[in-house]
Amino acid sequence: RVVAELKRFVAVRVDVTSDKQAQKLKIDRYRSYSVPFIAFYDGRGNHLAARAFKQKPSTEAFLSRLKEIH
């Protein structure tokens, strides 16, 4: 179900574990030190800060969040 829902999205992965520039970007842009961190944007490119995950979500929580975003 998650894979089917994700087909509506463009996924971008940034590995911040050893890249200091990527770490700084994540902290500056998203105000997050958390790993993993999952940010969402809507279909118009608006950052949906309130919908971010700052920890690994359960499958059901992730699926529910995906369905909220259009």
N, C-alpha and C. Protein backbone atom coordinates (compact mmCIF):
# COMPACT_ATOMS: atom_id res chain seq x y z
N ARG A 1 0.82 -1.20 0.00
CA ARG A 1 0.00 0.00 0.00
C ARG A 1 0.86 1.26 0.00
N VAL A 2 1.96 1.21 0.75
CA VAL A 2 2.87 2.37 0.79
C VAL A 2 3.51 2.58 -0.58
N VAL A 3 3.98 1.53 -1.19
CA VAL A 3 4.63 1.63 -2.50
C VAL A 3 3.65 2.21 -3.52
N ALA A 4 2.42 1.76 -3.50
CA ALA A 4 1.41 2.28 -4.44
C ALA A 4 1.17 3.77 -4.20
N GLU A 5 1.09 4.17 -2.96
CA GLU A 5 0.84 5.58 -2.64
C GLU A 5 2.05 6.45 -3.00
N LEU A 6 3.24 5.92 -2.83
CA LEU A 6 4.46 6.67 -3.14
C LEU A 6 4.63 6.97 -4.62
N LYS A 7 3.91 6.30 -5.48
CA LYS A 7 4.01 6.56 -6.92
C LYS A 7 3.60 7.97 -7.28
N ARG A 8 2.87 8.64 -6.40
CA ARG A 8 2.46 10.03 -6.64
C ARG A 8 3.55 11.03 -6.27
N PHE A 9 4.63 10.58 -5.68
CA PHE A 9 5.66 11.45 -5.13
C PHE A 9 6.97 11.31 -5.88
N VAL A 10 7.81 12.33 -5.73
CA VAL A 10 9.19 12.27 -6.18
C VAL A 10 10.03 12.16 -4.91
N ALA A 11 10.74 11.08 -4.77
CA ALA A 11 11.55 10.86 -3.57
C ALA A 11 12.97 11.37 -3.80
N VAL A 12 13.48 12.07 -2.81
CA VAL A 12 14.86 12.55 -2.84
C VAL A 12 15.50 12.14 -1.53
N ARG A 13 16.62 11.50 -1.61
CA ARG A 13 17.32 11.05 -0.40
C ARG A 13 18.63 11.81 -0.28
N VAL A 14 18.86 12.36 0.89
CA VAL A 14 20.11 13.06 1.16
C VAL A 14 20.76 12.36 2.35
N ASP A 15 21.95 11.83 2.13
CA ASP A 15 22.69 11.15 3.20
C ASP A 15 23.49 12.20 3.96
N VAL A 16 23.06 12.48 5.18
CA VAL A 16 23.73 13.51 5.99
C VAL A 16 24.67 12.91 7.02
N THR A 17 24.90 11.62 6.96
CA THR A 17 25.71 10.98 7.99
C THR A 17 27.18 11.38 7.93
N SER A 18 27.71 11.70 6.75
CA SER A 18 29.13 12.07 6.66
C SER A 18 29.36 13.34 5.85
N ASP A 19 28.31 13.96 5.37
CA ASP A 19 28.43 15.16 4.54
C ASP A 19 28.07 16.39 5.38
N LYS A 20 29.07 17.15 5.76
CA LYS A 20 28.86 18.32 6.63
C LYS A 20 27.98 19.38 5.97
N GLN A 21 28.12 19.58 4.67
CA GLN A 21 27.28 20.56 3.97
C GLN A 21 25.82 20.14 3.98
N ALA A 22 25.56 18.86 3.78
CA ALA A 22 24.19 18.35 3.80
C ALA A 22 23.61 18.45 5.20
N GLN A 23 24.44 18.19 6.22
CA GLN A 23 23.98 18.34 7.60
C GLN A 23 23.57 19.78 7.89
N LYS A 24 24.41 20.72 7.46
CA LYS A 24 24.12 22.14 7.69
C LYS A 24 22.85 22.56 6.95
N LEU A 25 22.68 22.09 5.73
CA LEU A 25 21.48 22.41 4.95
C LEU A 25 20.23 21.90 5.67
N LYS A 26 20.28 20.68 6.16
CA LYS A 26 19.12 20.10 6.86
C LYS A 26 18.79 20.90 8.12
N ILE A 27 19.80 21.26 8.86
CA ILE A 27 19.58 22.03 10.08
C ILE A 27 19.05 23.43 9.75
N ASP A 28 19.67 24.10 8.79
CA ASP A 28 19.26 25.46 8.43
C ASP A 28 17.87 25.49 7.80
N ARG A 29 17.61 24.58 6.88
CA ARG A 29 16.34 24.60 6.14
C ARG A 29 15.18 24.01 6.93
N TYR A 30 15.45 22.91 7.61
CA TYR A 30 14.36 22.19 8.26
C TYR A 30 14.37 22.28 9.78
N ARG A 31 15.39 22.93 10.33
CA ARG A 31 15.50 23.09 11.78
C ARG A 31 15.43 21.73 12.49
N SER A 32 16.14 20.77 11.93
CA SER A 32 16.09 19.43 12.48
C SER A 32 17.49 18.83 12.59
N TYR A 33 17.77 18.25 13.74
CA TYR A 33 19.00 17.49 13.95
C TYR A 33 18.71 15.99 13.86
N SER A 34 17.47 15.64 13.67
CA SER A 34 17.02 14.25 13.70
C SER A 34 17.43 13.46 12.47
N VAL A 35 17.75 12.19 12.71
CA VAL A 35 17.99 11.24 11.64
C VAL A 35 17.26 9.96 12.03
N PRO A 36 16.37 9.45 11.24
CA PRO A 36 15.96 9.99 9.94
C PRO A 36 15.05 11.20 10.10
N PHE A 37 14.97 11.95 9.03
CA PHE A 37 14.08 13.10 8.95
C PHE A 37 13.39 13.02 7.59
N ILE A 38 12.07 13.12 7.58
CA ILE A 38 11.32 13.02 6.32
C ILE A 38 10.52 14.30 6.15
N ALA A 39 10.85 15.06 5.11
CA ALA A 39 10.14 16.30 4.79
C ALA A 39 9.17 16.03 3.65
N PHE A 40 8.10 16.81 3.61
CA PHE A 40 7.11 16.67 2.54
C PHE A 40 6.85 18.02 1.90
N TYR A 41 6.56 17.96 0.61
CA TYR A 41 6.14 19.12 -0.18
C TYR A 41 4.85 18.74 -0.89
N ASP A 42 3.98 19.71 -1.10
CA ASP A 42 2.76 19.41 -1.84
C ASP A 42 3.02 19.51 -3.34
N GLY A 43 2.00 19.30 -4.13
CA GLY A 43 2.12 19.32 -5.58
C GLY A 43 2.50 20.66 -6.16
N ARG A 44 2.41 21.71 -5.38
CA ARG A 44 2.79 23.06 -5.83
C ARG A 44 4.18 23.46 -5.34
N GLY A 45 4.83 22.56 -4.64
CA GLY A 45 6.19 22.83 -4.15
C GLY A 45 6.24 23.52 -2.80
N ASN A 46 5.12 23.57 -2.09
CA ASN A 46 5.09 24.18 -0.77
C ASN A 46 5.58 23.19 0.28
N HIS A 47 6.53 23.63 1.08
CA HIS A 47 7.05 22.78 2.16
C HIS A 47 5.97 22.63 3.23
N LEU A 48 5.70 21.41 3.61
CA LEU A 48 4.67 21.11 4.61
C LEU A 48 5.35 20.77 5.93
N ALA A 49 5.88 21.79 6.59
CA ALA A 49 6.70 21.61 7.79
C ALA A 49 5.97 20.83 8.88
N ALA A 50 4.70 21.07 9.05
CA ALA A 50 3.94 20.41 10.12
C ALA A 50 3.75 18.92 9.86
N ARG A 51 4.02 18.47 8.67
CA ARG A 51 3.82 17.05 8.33
C ARG A 51 5.12 16.24 8.33
N ALA A 52 6.23 16.87 8.68
CA ALA A 52 7.52 16.18 8.69
C ALA A 52 7.55 15.10 9.77
N PHE A 53 8.37 14.09 9.52
CA PHE A 53 8.65 13.07 10.53
C PHE A 53 10.07 13.29 11.02
N LYS A 54 10.25 13.37 12.32
CA LYS A 54 11.58 13.55 12.90
C LYS A 54 12.07 12.28 13.57
N GLN A 55 11.43 11.21 13.25
CA GLN A 55 11.85 9.87 13.66
C GLN A 55 11.23 8.89 12.69
N LYS A 56 11.65 7.65 12.75
CA LYS A 56 11.11 6.66 11.83
C LYS A 56 9.64 6.40 12.17
N PRO A 57 8.74 6.65 11.21
CA PRO A 57 7.32 6.43 11.48
C PRO A 57 6.94 4.97 11.31
N SER A 58 5.83 4.60 11.91
CA SER A 58 5.29 3.27 11.65
C SER A 58 4.76 3.25 10.22
N THR A 59 4.57 2.08 9.69
CA THR A 59 4.05 1.95 8.33
C THR A 59 2.69 2.63 8.21
N GLU A 60 1.83 2.42 9.18
CA GLU A 60 0.49 3.01 9.13
C GLU A 60 0.53 4.54 9.23
N ALA A 61 1.40 5.07 10.09
CA ALA A 61 1.53 6.53 10.21
C ALA A 61 2.05 7.13 8.91
N PHE A 62 3.03 6.47 8.30
CA PHE A 62 3.60 6.95 7.05
C PHE A 62 2.55 6.93 5.94
N LEU A 63 1.83 5.83 5.83
CA LEU A 63 0.78 5.71 4.82
C LEU A 63 -0.30 6.77 5.02
N SER A 64 -0.71 6.97 6.24
CA SER A 64 -1.72 7.99 6.54
C SER A 64 -1.24 9.38 6.13
N ARG A 65 0.03 9.69 6.42
CA ARG A 65 0.58 10.99 6.05
C ARG A 65 0.63 11.17 4.55
N LEU A 66 1.02 10.13 3.82
CA LEU A 66 1.07 10.20 2.36
C LEU A 66 -0.31 10.52 1.79
N LYS A 67 -1.33 9.90 2.35
CA LYS A 67 -2.68 10.11 1.85
C LYS A 67 -3.19 11.52 2.12
N GLU A 68 -2.62 12.22 3.10
CA GLU A 68 -3.04 13.59 3.44
C GLU A 68 -2.53 14.61 2.43
N ILE A 69 -1.48 14.27 1.71
CA ILE A 69 -0.76 15.23 0.87
C ILE A 69 -1.22 15.14 -0.59
N HIS A 70 -1.52 16.28 -1.15
CA HIS A 70 -1.98 16.34 -2.55
C HIS A 70 -1.19 17.35 -3.34
